[in-house]
Amino acid sequence: MSTATVTTKGQITIPAAVRDALHVATGDRVEFVEIEPGRYEFIAATRSVKALKGMFGKPRKRLSIEDMNAAIAIRGAAAK
């Protein structure tokens, strides 16, 4: 089991074995996700935004920017 100590500034050094296992390098982002009160998961947020491409399939209907702006304006007005 790997451990780390919290500094007075609230920082920790991630043990090398954990960094290697998660493929985390200098400058990468990580997330702390609460899975239940008092328990968190440490997740490497290293996937590219490009990995999301195609996740939801092709759109049923193509919309122009003008159509999108009009839909946003209608929803925004209805929310007030």
N, C-alpha and C. Protein backbone atom coordinates (compact mmCIF):
# COMPACT_ATOMS: atom_id res chain seq x y z
N MET A 1 0.85 -1.18 0.00
CA MET A 1 0.00 0.00 0.00
C MET A 1 0.89 1.23 0.00
N SER A 2 0.54 2.22 -0.81
CA SER A 2 1.30 3.46 -0.89
C SER A 2 0.64 4.52 -0.01
N THR A 3 1.46 5.34 0.62
CA THR A 3 0.94 6.43 1.45
C THR A 3 1.63 7.73 1.06
N ALA A 4 1.02 8.85 1.46
CA ALA A 4 1.58 10.17 1.22
C ALA A 4 1.24 11.05 2.42
N THR A 5 2.02 12.08 2.63
CA THR A 5 1.81 13.00 3.73
C THR A 5 1.35 14.34 3.17
N VAL A 6 0.37 14.95 3.82
CA VAL A 6 -0.13 16.25 3.41
C VAL A 6 0.76 17.33 4.01
N THR A 7 1.20 18.29 3.17
CA THR A 7 2.04 19.38 3.66
C THR A 7 1.18 20.47 4.28
N THR A 8 1.81 21.47 4.86
CA THR A 8 1.07 22.58 5.46
C THR A 8 0.30 23.37 4.41
N LYS A 9 0.70 23.25 3.15
CA LYS A 9 -0.01 23.92 2.06
C LYS A 9 -1.11 23.06 1.46
N GLY A 10 -1.34 21.87 2.03
CA GLY A 10 -2.39 20.99 1.54
C GLY A 10 -1.97 20.18 0.33
N GLN A 11 -0.67 20.06 0.09
CA GLN A 11 -0.17 19.33 -1.07
C GLN A 11 0.31 17.94 -0.66
N ILE A 12 0.28 17.03 -1.63
CA ILE A 12 0.84 15.70 -1.41
C ILE A 12 1.72 15.34 -2.61
N THR A 13 2.65 14.45 -2.39
CA THR A 13 3.42 13.89 -3.49
C THR A 13 2.85 12.50 -3.75
N ILE A 14 2.43 12.28 -4.98
CA ILE A 14 1.85 10.98 -5.34
C ILE A 14 3.02 9.99 -5.48
N PRO A 15 2.96 8.89 -4.78
CA PRO A 15 4.05 7.91 -4.87
C PRO A 15 4.29 7.47 -6.32
N ALA A 16 5.56 7.23 -6.65
CA ALA A 16 5.95 6.88 -8.02
C ALA A 16 5.19 5.66 -8.54
N ALA A 17 4.98 4.66 -7.71
CA ALA A 17 4.27 3.46 -8.15
C ALA A 17 2.84 3.78 -8.56
N VAL A 18 2.19 4.70 -7.84
CA VAL A 18 0.82 5.10 -8.17
C VAL A 18 0.82 5.91 -9.47
N ARG A 19 1.76 6.84 -9.61
CA ARG A 19 1.86 7.63 -10.85
C ARG A 19 2.07 6.72 -12.05
N ASP A 20 2.94 5.74 -11.89
CA ASP A 20 3.20 4.82 -12.99
C ASP A 20 1.97 4.00 -13.34
N ALA A 21 1.27 3.50 -12.34
CA ALA A 21 0.08 2.67 -12.57
C ALA A 21 -1.04 3.46 -13.26
N LEU A 22 -1.16 4.75 -12.91
CA LEU A 22 -2.21 5.59 -13.50
C LEU A 22 -1.74 6.34 -14.74
N HIS A 23 -0.48 6.16 -15.10
CA HIS A 23 0.09 6.88 -16.26
C HIS A 23 -0.07 8.38 -16.10
N VAL A 24 0.21 8.87 -14.90
CA VAL A 24 0.12 10.30 -14.59
C VAL A 24 1.52 10.88 -14.61
N ALA A 25 1.66 12.01 -15.32
CA ALA A 25 2.96 12.67 -15.42
C ALA A 25 2.82 14.12 -15.00
N THR A 26 3.93 14.81 -14.92
CA THR A 26 3.95 16.23 -14.56
C THR A 26 2.99 17.01 -15.44
N GLY A 27 2.14 17.82 -14.82
CA GLY A 27 1.20 18.65 -15.56
C GLY A 27 -0.14 18.00 -15.84
N ASP A 28 -0.27 16.69 -15.62
CA ASP A 28 -1.56 16.02 -15.83
C ASP A 28 -2.53 16.42 -14.73
N ARG A 29 -3.80 16.31 -15.04
CA ARG A 29 -4.85 16.63 -14.07
C ARG A 29 -5.38 15.34 -13.46
N VAL A 30 -5.82 15.44 -12.21
CA VAL A 30 -6.44 14.30 -11.53
C VAL A 30 -7.75 14.79 -10.91
N GLU A 31 -8.64 13.87 -10.66
CA GLU A 31 -9.92 14.21 -10.04
C GLU A 31 -10.07 13.40 -8.75
N PHE A 32 -10.73 14.01 -7.78
CA PHE A 32 -11.09 13.33 -6.55
C PHE A 32 -12.61 13.23 -6.56
N VAL A 33 -13.13 12.02 -6.68
CA VAL A 33 -14.56 11.81 -6.81
C VAL A 33 -15.08 11.16 -5.53
N GLU A 34 -16.05 11.83 -4.89
CA GLU A 34 -16.64 11.26 -3.67
C GLU A 34 -17.56 10.12 -4.04
N ILE A 35 -17.27 8.93 -3.54
CA ILE A 35 -18.10 7.77 -3.85
C ILE A 35 -19.07 7.44 -2.72
N GLU A 36 -18.78 7.95 -1.54
CA GLU A 36 -19.68 7.90 -0.39
C GLU A 36 -19.11 8.87 0.63
N PRO A 37 -19.88 9.31 1.60
CA PRO A 37 -19.35 10.28 2.56
C PRO A 37 -18.05 9.82 3.20
N GLY A 38 -17.03 10.65 3.07
CA GLY A 38 -15.73 10.34 3.66
C GLY A 38 -14.86 9.40 2.85
N ARG A 39 -15.31 9.02 1.65
CA ARG A 39 -14.52 8.10 0.80
C ARG A 39 -14.44 8.65 -0.61
N TYR A 40 -13.22 8.78 -1.11
CA TYR A 40 -12.98 9.36 -2.42
C TYR A 40 -12.17 8.41 -3.29
N GLU A 41 -12.37 8.54 -4.60
CA GLU A 41 -11.53 7.85 -5.57
C GLU A 41 -10.65 8.88 -6.24
N PHE A 42 -9.43 8.52 -6.50
CA PHE A 42 -8.44 9.36 -7.16
C PHE A 42 -8.37 8.87 -8.60
N ILE A 43 -8.73 9.73 -9.55
CA ILE A 43 -8.83 9.32 -10.95
C ILE A 43 -7.95 10.21 -11.81
N ALA A 44 -7.16 9.61 -12.67
CA ALA A 44 -6.35 10.37 -13.62
C ALA A 44 -7.27 10.91 -14.71
N ALA A 45 -7.22 12.21 -14.92
CA ALA A 45 -8.05 12.86 -15.95
C ALA A 45 -7.15 13.14 -17.15
N THR A 46 -6.60 12.08 -17.72
CA THR A 46 -5.60 12.25 -18.78
C THR A 46 -6.15 11.97 -20.17
N ARG A 47 -7.41 11.58 -20.28
CA ARG A 47 -7.96 11.32 -21.61
C ARG A 47 -8.18 12.61 -22.36
N SER A 48 -7.94 12.56 -23.62
CA SER A 48 -8.13 13.72 -24.48
C SER A 48 -9.61 13.95 -24.74
N VAL A 49 -9.98 15.18 -24.97
CA VAL A 49 -11.36 15.51 -25.34
C VAL A 49 -11.72 14.78 -26.63
N LYS A 50 -10.74 14.56 -27.48
CA LYS A 50 -10.99 13.87 -28.74
C LYS A 50 -11.51 12.45 -28.53
N ALA A 51 -11.25 11.88 -27.36
CA ALA A 51 -11.72 10.53 -27.06
C ALA A 51 -13.25 10.49 -26.94
N LEU A 52 -13.88 11.64 -26.76
CA LEU A 52 -15.33 11.71 -26.64
C LEU A 52 -16.05 11.65 -28.00
N LYS A 53 -15.29 11.88 -29.07
CA LYS A 53 -15.88 11.91 -30.41
C LYS A 53 -16.61 10.60 -30.70
N GLY A 54 -17.86 10.73 -31.15
CA GLY A 54 -18.64 9.56 -31.52
C GLY A 54 -19.32 8.87 -30.37
N MET A 55 -19.16 9.38 -29.16
CA MET A 55 -19.73 8.73 -27.98
C MET A 55 -21.26 8.66 -28.05
N PHE A 56 -21.88 9.66 -28.65
CA PHE A 56 -23.35 9.71 -28.66
C PHE A 56 -23.94 9.42 -30.03
N GLY A 57 -23.15 8.95 -30.96
CA GLY A 57 -23.66 8.64 -32.29
C GLY A 57 -23.85 9.90 -33.11
N LYS A 58 -24.38 9.71 -34.30
CA LYS A 58 -24.60 10.84 -35.20
C LYS A 58 -25.89 11.56 -34.82
N PRO A 59 -25.91 12.89 -34.97
CA PRO A 59 -27.14 13.63 -34.67
C PRO A 59 -28.24 13.27 -35.67
N ARG A 60 -29.47 13.27 -35.20
CA ARG A 60 -30.59 12.95 -36.09
C ARG A 60 -30.81 14.04 -37.13
N LYS A 61 -30.53 15.28 -36.74
CA LYS A 61 -30.79 16.41 -37.62
C LYS A 61 -29.67 17.42 -37.46
N ARG A 62 -29.15 17.93 -38.57
CA ARG A 62 -28.10 18.95 -38.51
C ARG A 62 -28.74 20.30 -38.23
N LEU A 63 -28.13 21.07 -37.34
CA LEU A 63 -28.64 22.40 -37.01
C LEU A 63 -27.57 23.43 -37.30
N SER A 64 -28.01 24.60 -37.72
CA SER A 64 -27.08 25.70 -37.93
C SER A 64 -26.86 26.41 -36.59
N ILE A 65 -25.84 27.24 -36.54
CA ILE A 65 -25.58 28.03 -35.34
C ILE A 65 -26.78 28.92 -35.04
N GLU A 66 -27.40 29.46 -36.06
CA GLU A 66 -28.58 30.32 -35.86
C GLU A 66 -29.72 29.53 -35.22
N ASP A 67 -29.94 28.29 -35.67
CA ASP A 67 -30.98 27.44 -35.09
C ASP A 67 -30.68 27.15 -33.61
N MET A 68 -29.40 26.88 -33.32
CA MET A 68 -29.01 26.61 -31.93
C MET A 68 -29.23 27.83 -31.06
N ASN A 69 -28.82 29.01 -31.55
CA ASN A 69 -28.99 30.24 -30.77
C ASN A 69 -30.47 30.54 -30.53
N ALA A 70 -31.32 30.29 -31.53
CA ALA A 70 -32.76 30.51 -31.37
C ALA A 70 -33.33 29.58 -30.31
N ALA A 71 -32.93 28.31 -30.33
CA ALA A 71 -33.42 27.34 -29.34
C ALA A 71 -32.97 27.74 -27.94
N ILE A 72 -31.74 28.21 -27.80
CA ILE A 72 -31.23 28.65 -26.51
C ILE A 72 -32.01 29.86 -26.01
N ALA A 73 -32.29 30.80 -26.90
CA ALA A 73 -33.04 32.01 -26.53
C ALA A 73 -34.45 31.65 -26.07
N ILE A 74 -35.10 30.71 -26.76
CA ILE A 74 -36.46 30.31 -26.39
C ILE A 74 -36.46 29.64 -25.01
N ARG A 75 -35.52 28.72 -24.78
CA ARG A 75 -35.43 28.03 -23.49
C ARG A 75 -35.08 29.00 -22.38
N GLY A 76 -34.18 29.94 -22.67
CA GLY A 76 -33.78 30.92 -21.67
C GLY A 76 -34.92 31.81 -21.26
N ALA A 77 -35.74 32.23 -22.25
CA ALA A 77 -36.90 33.07 -21.96
C ALA A 77 -37.94 32.30 -21.17
N ALA A 78 -38.11 31.02 -21.46
CA ALA A 78 -39.11 30.22 -20.74
C ALA A 78 -38.69 29.95 -19.30
N ALA A 79 -37.38 29.96 -19.01
CA ALA A 79 -36.89 29.66 -17.67
C ALA A 79 -37.09 30.83 -16.71
N LYS A 80 -37.29 32.03 -17.25
CA LYS A 80 -37.41 33.20 -16.38
C LYS A 80 -38.77 33.36 -15.81
